[in-house]
Amino acid sequence: MPRVRNWQAISNPVPALIIWLISALTFYILFQMALRNSTPSSSTGWSLSNVERRTKLYDELSRELDVKGAAFLKNGETSQSLSLSDLFTVKNGAVTPVLRAANPPVRANVLYMSPQYSLPVAEAVQKVFMPYFDKVIWFQNSTLYHFSMFHASHHITPVTASEVEIEAEANAVKAVAKDVCPLKISLDRVVLTSTGVLLGCWQVISGLDPAVLRDRLRSALPQAPAIQLYDSAIFHTSLARLLGHPTNFPKEQKISELQFLHELVNELNRKLRGFQATISELWYVEEYDLLALALNGRVKARKFQLSCSKT
């Protein structure tokens, strides 16, 4: 009789099926928990697609000089549809910015890089490029390194605002900054564009993805231009602008001018690639001159800490 009872229990498929379903469900739950723990929190908005988008953009920028040629040697346009002659002149052997009033003032939101991180980058840029581009290069002010994030108004699509409306915008940006934690970032590479801009192209190690921050700023600033100046995924700083041919070209190397430019960029990348920084301030800036932050023009900056208030 005992043997019969054991055989009947084994031959009954229902208990075995229940055990199998419980085991499968337990595995699925544990797998999903492990998957969530192994990827960045969705609260940061970080995703592989944004990293891939940035990498693709940086790859395209790296090829731009070869594809489009060095337009800056022919007084080409900048990335914001302004010619170099609109922006710079040479006076007494020194490069001087041409400041043009912005009417209405541009209202930009930028992430600020403190001198703790910007100064080492600026020193490396000057050390590599200054010997060959004396009097034909403009170095970004190392105390104003920034990442352009979102414009409430820009020179292509101006959006006028009263003082009351501007204060309301600034308060809205302050509220955004309050809920964002500082970003830890790493320099992916330096590129030289066809317009002569030397760009630092960055990736986010931890913190809110730039594309998501731009979405939050758009929600906070509903009157802003629908078309912004940059791709929402890009995360870059302007380091310098080349304005002409090298003044000290090493002709004995028997390489083209274009190859020489690539070699300088490669040298700078060897010095800086992988450099890390922490970004902890979001600025709401009124630029009273076009490209004031880039050209040492007139600005009014409201500075907000990324205070990470949400838990």
Protein backbone atom coordinates (compact mmCIF):
# COMPACT_ATOMS: atom_id res chain seq x y z
CA MET A 1 0.00 0.00 0.00
CA PRO A 2 2.68 2.58 0.73
CA ARG A 3 4.20 1.94 -2.67
CA VAL A 4 0.84 2.54 -4.32
CA ARG A 5 0.40 5.87 -2.49
CA ASN A 6 3.86 7.09 -3.54
CA TRP A 7 3.23 6.11 -7.15
CA GLN A 8 -0.10 7.96 -7.16
CA ALA A 9 1.50 11.10 -5.74
CA ILE A 10 4.22 11.07 -8.36
CA SER A 11 1.82 10.40 -11.19
CA ASN A 12 -0.37 13.39 -10.24
CA PRO A 13 0.96 16.34 -12.33
CA VAL A 14 -0.84 19.17 -10.49
CA PRO A 15 1.54 19.61 -7.51
CA ALA A 16 4.57 19.40 -9.77
CA LEU A 17 3.09 22.02 -12.10
CA ILE A 18 2.39 24.36 -9.21
CA ILE A 19 5.96 23.99 -7.93
CA TRP A 20 7.32 24.67 -11.43
CA LEU A 21 5.19 27.82 -11.82
CA ILE A 22 6.26 29.14 -8.43
CA SER A 23 9.91 28.51 -9.27
CA ALA A 24 9.57 30.21 -12.65
CA LEU A 25 7.83 33.24 -11.13
CA THR A 26 10.47 33.53 -8.41
CA PHE A 27 13.25 33.42 -11.02
CA TYR A 28 11.53 36.10 -13.11
CA ILE A 29 11.13 38.43 -10.13
CA LEU A 30 14.74 37.96 -9.02
CA PHE A 31 15.95 38.49 -12.60
CA GLN A 32 14.05 41.76 -12.94
CA MET A 33 15.42 42.98 -9.60
CA ALA A 34 18.95 42.14 -10.67
CA LEU A 35 18.40 43.87 -14.00
CA ARG A 36 17.19 47.06 -12.32
CA ASN A 37 20.08 47.04 -9.88
CA SER A 38 22.63 46.53 -12.64
CA THR A 39 21.49 49.56 -14.68
CA PRO A 40 21.42 53.27 -13.75
CA SER A 41 18.31 54.49 -11.99
CA SER A 42 15.53 55.62 -14.25
CA SER A 43 15.27 58.74 -12.06
CA THR A 44 18.44 60.02 -13.71
CA GLY A 45 16.99 59.56 -17.18
CA TRP A 46 20.24 57.92 -18.22
CA SER A 47 19.89 55.44 -21.04
CA LEU A 48 22.17 53.65 -23.42
CA SER A 49 20.42 55.34 -26.33
CA ASN A 50 21.48 58.81 -25.13
CA VAL A 51 25.07 57.67 -24.69
CA GLU A 52 24.96 56.15 -28.17
CA ARG A 53 23.43 59.33 -29.60
CA ARG A 54 26.20 61.42 -28.07
CA THR A 55 28.87 59.05 -29.31
CA LYS A 56 27.39 59.18 -32.81
CA LEU A 57 27.29 62.98 -32.69
CA TYR A 58 30.90 63.13 -31.53
CA ASP A 59 31.94 60.71 -34.27
CA GLU A 60 30.28 62.98 -36.84
CA LEU A 61 31.96 66.07 -35.39
CA SER A 62 35.32 64.28 -35.49
CA ARG A 63 34.87 63.68 -39.23
CA GLU A 64 33.49 67.14 -40.00
CA LEU A 65 36.86 68.74 -40.71
CA ASP A 66 37.63 66.12 -43.38
CA VAL A 67 34.11 66.10 -44.84
CA LYS A 68 33.43 69.85 -44.98
CA GLY A 69 36.95 71.23 -44.96
CA ALA A 70 38.33 74.03 -42.81
CA ALA A 71 35.69 76.72 -43.41
CA PHE A 72 37.27 78.91 -40.74
CA LEU A 73 40.22 79.46 -43.07
CA LYS A 74 37.75 81.08 -45.48
CA ASN A 75 35.90 83.19 -42.90
CA GLY A 76 33.16 80.57 -42.65
CA GLU A 77 30.11 80.60 -40.41
CA THR A 78 30.09 79.53 -36.78
CA SER A 79 27.73 76.92 -35.38
CA GLN A 80 25.20 79.71 -34.70
CA SER A 81 25.14 81.12 -38.25
CA LEU A 82 27.51 84.01 -37.55
CA SER A 83 30.64 84.59 -39.61
CA LEU A 84 34.00 84.85 -37.87
CA SER A 85 34.31 88.46 -39.03
CA ASP A 86 31.09 89.13 -37.10
CA LEU A 87 32.74 87.90 -33.94
CA PHE A 88 36.44 88.82 -33.97
CA THR A 89 38.93 91.38 -35.17
CA VAL A 90 42.68 91.79 -34.68
CA LYS A 91 43.77 95.04 -33.01
CA ASN A 92 47.37 95.84 -32.18
CA GLY A 93 48.32 92.23 -32.80
CA ALA A 94 45.70 90.87 -30.40
CA VAL A 95 42.46 89.03 -31.13
CA THR A 96 39.54 91.12 -29.91
CA PRO A 97 35.89 90.08 -29.82
CA VAL A 98 33.36 92.18 -31.69
CA LEU A 99 30.53 92.69 -29.24
CA ARG A 100 27.12 93.24 -30.79
CA ALA A 101 24.10 94.05 -28.67
CA ALA A 102 21.48 91.33 -28.48
CA ASN A 103 18.01 92.80 -28.77
CA PRO A 104 16.22 91.34 -26.96
CA PRO A 105 18.89 89.85 -24.71
CA VAL A 106 19.49 86.14 -25.17
CA ARG A 107 18.27 84.12 -22.18
CA ALA A 108 20.35 80.97 -21.81
CA ASN A 109 20.43 78.16 -19.31
CA VAL A 110 23.89 76.66 -18.89
CA LEU A 111 25.63 74.21 -16.63
CA TYR A 112 28.74 75.85 -15.20
CA MET A 113 32.17 74.24 -14.81
CA SER A 114 34.13 75.61 -11.88
CA PRO A 115 37.77 76.73 -12.32
CA GLN A 116 38.84 73.71 -10.26
CA TYR A 117 38.19 71.69 -13.42
CA SER A 118 38.28 74.27 -16.21
CA LEU A 119 41.76 75.63 -15.48
CA PRO A 120 43.65 72.35 -16.10
CA VAL A 121 41.74 71.92 -19.37
CA ALA A 122 42.43 75.50 -20.47
CA GLU A 123 46.13 75.18 -19.67
CA ALA A 124 46.41 72.06 -21.81
CA VAL A 125 44.60 73.72 -24.72
CA GLN A 126 46.87 76.75 -24.64
CA LYS A 127 50.02 74.66 -24.32
CA VAL A 128 49.17 72.65 -27.45
CA PHE A 129 47.74 75.38 -29.72
CA MET A 130 49.32 78.68 -28.69
CA PRO A 131 52.77 77.97 -30.22
CA TYR A 132 51.21 77.57 -33.66
CA PHE A 133 48.24 79.97 -33.66
CA ASP A 134 49.54 83.10 -31.98
CA LYS A 135 47.24 86.04 -32.80
CA VAL A 136 44.81 83.83 -34.73
CA ILE A 137 43.12 82.01 -31.86
CA TRP A 138 40.54 82.95 -29.25
CA PHE A 139 40.63 80.98 -26.02
CA GLN A 140 37.41 80.61 -24.10
CA ASN A 141 37.59 82.39 -20.75
CA SER A 142 38.57 79.58 -18.38
CA THR A 143 36.37 81.03 -15.63
CA LEU A 144 33.32 80.78 -17.89
CA TYR A 145 33.47 77.22 -19.19
CA HIS A 146 29.87 76.12 -19.59
CA PHE A 147 27.51 73.66 -21.25
CA SER A 148 24.70 75.29 -23.20
CA MET A 149 21.52 73.45 -22.18
CA PHE A 150 18.40 75.37 -23.16
CA HIS A 151 17.45 78.84 -24.39
CA ALA A 152 14.38 80.72 -23.22
CA SER A 153 15.20 83.10 -26.08
CA HIS A 154 17.98 83.12 -28.67
CA HIS A 155 19.08 85.41 -31.48
CA ILE A 156 17.53 83.27 -34.23
CA THR A 157 14.10 83.09 -32.58
CA PRO A 158 13.84 85.98 -30.10
CA VAL A 159 11.19 85.71 -27.37
CA THR A 160 10.59 89.02 -25.65
CA ALA A 161 9.81 89.04 -21.93
CA SER A 162 9.07 91.63 -19.27
CA GLU A 163 11.11 91.90 -16.09
CA VAL A 164 8.33 90.09 -14.24
CA GLU A 165 8.33 87.30 -16.81
CA ILE A 166 12.11 87.02 -16.64
CA GLU A 167 11.99 86.67 -12.87
CA ALA A 168 9.33 83.99 -13.26
CA GLU A 169 11.57 82.14 -15.71
CA ALA A 170 14.53 82.34 -13.35
CA ASN A 171 12.44 80.99 -10.48
CA ALA A 172 11.25 78.12 -12.67
CA VAL A 173 14.85 77.25 -13.51
CA LYS A 174 15.76 77.48 -9.83
CA ALA A 175 13.04 74.92 -9.09
CA VAL A 176 14.50 72.59 -11.71
CA ALA A 177 18.00 72.92 -10.24
CA LYS A 178 16.69 72.17 -6.76
CA ASP A 179 15.69 68.65 -7.79
CA VAL A 180 18.86 67.78 -9.75
CA CYS A 181 21.95 66.21 -8.22
CA PRO A 182 25.47 67.24 -9.27
CA LEU A 183 26.71 65.53 -12.42
CA LYS A 184 29.94 63.58 -12.57
CA ILE A 185 31.28 63.74 -16.12
CA SER A 186 34.21 62.54 -18.20
CA LEU A 187 35.79 64.05 -21.30
CA ASP A 188 35.09 61.69 -24.17
CA ARG A 189 37.23 63.58 -26.68
CA VAL A 190 38.21 66.95 -28.10
CA VAL A 191 37.21 67.73 -31.69
CA LEU A 192 37.91 70.58 -34.10
CA THR A 193 34.90 71.51 -36.21
CA SER A 194 34.96 72.85 -39.75
CA THR A 195 34.08 76.28 -38.35
CA GLY A 196 37.25 76.30 -36.23
CA VAL A 197 35.67 75.65 -32.85
CA LEU A 198 37.63 73.40 -30.53
CA LEU A 199 35.03 71.47 -28.55
CA GLY A 200 35.26 69.37 -25.45
CA CYS A 201 32.75 66.53 -25.88
CA TRP A 202 31.68 64.92 -22.62
CA GLN A 203 29.82 61.89 -21.30
CA VAL A 204 27.92 61.60 -18.02
CA ILE A 205 29.26 59.08 -15.51
CA SER A 206 26.52 59.67 -12.95
CA GLY A 207 23.65 62.09 -12.61
CA LEU A 208 20.79 63.31 -14.74
CA ASP A 209 21.21 62.86 -18.48
CA PRO A 210 21.54 66.18 -20.36
CA ALA A 211 18.64 65.25 -22.67
CA VAL A 212 16.35 64.79 -19.67
CA LEU A 213 17.50 68.04 -18.08
CA ARG A 214 16.66 69.82 -21.33
CA ASP A 215 13.20 68.24 -21.24
CA ARG A 216 12.69 69.54 -17.70
CA LEU A 217 13.82 73.01 -18.70
CA ARG A 218 11.45 72.96 -21.68
CA SER A 219 8.57 72.07 -19.35
CA ALA A 220 9.61 74.87 -16.99
CA LEU A 221 9.91 77.40 -19.85
CA PRO A 222 6.90 76.79 -22.12
CA GLN A 223 7.35 80.05 -24.08
CA ALA A 224 10.86 79.12 -25.20
CA PRO A 225 11.65 78.65 -28.92
CA ALA A 226 10.49 75.27 -30.18
CA ILE A 227 13.71 74.89 -32.14
CA GLN A 228 16.79 74.99 -29.95
CA LEU A 229 20.37 75.56 -31.09
CA TYR A 230 21.78 72.11 -30.40
CA ASP A 231 20.85 68.45 -30.47
CA SER A 232 19.23 67.52 -27.16
CA ALA A 233 21.74 64.75 -26.45
CA ILE A 234 24.96 66.71 -27.00
CA PHE A 235 27.01 67.77 -23.99
CA HIS A 236 29.89 70.01 -24.97
CA THR A 237 32.01 73.00 -23.99
CA SER A 238 33.74 75.47 -26.31
CA LEU A 239 37.46 75.56 -25.55
CA ALA A 240 38.84 77.84 -28.28
CA ARG A 241 38.20 79.18 -31.78
CA LEU A 242 40.76 79.10 -34.56
CA LEU A 243 40.53 82.19 -36.76
CA GLY A 244 43.08 81.55 -39.48
CA HIS A 245 46.04 79.58 -40.77
CA PRO A 246 48.79 78.49 -38.37
CA THR A 247 51.31 81.26 -37.87
CA ASN A 248 54.08 78.80 -37.12
CA PHE A 249 53.52 75.90 -39.49
CA PRO A 250 56.27 73.23 -39.32
CA LYS A 251 56.79 72.85 -43.07
CA GLU A 252 59.75 70.54 -42.56
CA GLN A 253 57.33 67.79 -41.50
CA LYS A 254 55.98 67.63 -45.07
CA ILE A 255 52.36 67.22 -44.04
CA SER A 256 49.28 69.09 -45.14
CA GLU A 257 47.75 71.82 -43.04
CA LEU A 258 44.73 69.59 -42.44
CA GLN A 259 46.92 66.74 -41.21
CA PHE A 260 48.72 69.17 -38.92
CA LEU A 261 45.41 70.23 -37.37
CA HIS A 262 44.53 66.60 -36.76
CA GLU A 263 47.89 66.01 -35.09
CA LEU A 264 47.34 68.90 -32.69
CA VAL A 265 43.87 67.61 -31.78
CA ASN A 266 45.29 64.13 -31.25
CA GLU A 267 47.98 65.53 -28.97
CA LEU A 268 45.39 67.37 -26.92
CA ASN A 269 43.30 64.20 -26.65
CA ARG A 270 46.29 62.31 -25.32
CA LYS A 271 46.53 64.89 -22.55
CA LEU A 272 42.85 65.30 -21.71
CA ARG A 273 40.77 62.29 -22.73
CA GLY A 274 39.17 60.76 -19.64
CA PHE A 275 39.52 63.95 -17.56
CA GLN A 276 36.73 64.00 -14.96
CA ALA A 277 34.79 66.85 -13.41
CA THR A 278 31.78 67.46 -11.20
CA ILE A 279 29.15 69.98 -12.30
CA SER A 280 27.09 71.48 -9.49
CA GLU A 281 25.65 74.79 -10.79
CA LEU A 282 22.91 75.67 -13.27
CA TRP A 283 22.90 79.28 -14.44
CA TYR A 284 20.09 81.34 -15.91
CA VAL A 285 21.94 83.96 -17.95
CA GLU A 286 20.80 87.10 -19.71
CA GLU A 287 23.33 87.83 -22.47
CA TYR A 288 23.16 91.49 -23.49
CA ASP A 289 25.69 90.88 -26.28
CA LEU A 290 25.55 88.09 -28.84
CA LEU A 291 27.51 85.08 -27.57
CA ALA A 292 28.39 87.07 -24.47
CA LEU A 293 29.46 84.03 -22.48
CA ALA A 294 31.84 83.01 -25.24
CA LEU A 295 33.17 86.50 -26.00
CA ASN A 296 33.42 88.06 -22.52
CA GLY A 297 30.41 90.24 -23.19
CA ARG A 298 27.82 91.71 -20.88
CA VAL A 299 25.83 89.19 -18.87
CA LYS A 300 23.57 88.92 -15.87
CA ALA A 301 23.80 85.46 -14.34
CA ARG A 302 21.55 83.92 -11.72
CA LYS A 303 23.38 80.96 -10.23
CA PHE A 304 21.58 77.95 -8.78
CA GLN A 305 23.12 75.01 -6.98
CA LEU A 306 22.17 71.51 -8.08
CA SER A 307 20.96 70.78 -4.57
CA CYS A 308 19.49 67.33 -5.08
CA SER A 309 16.59 67.92 -2.68
CA LYS A 310 14.52 64.92 -3.79
CA THR A 311 15.26 61.63 -2.09
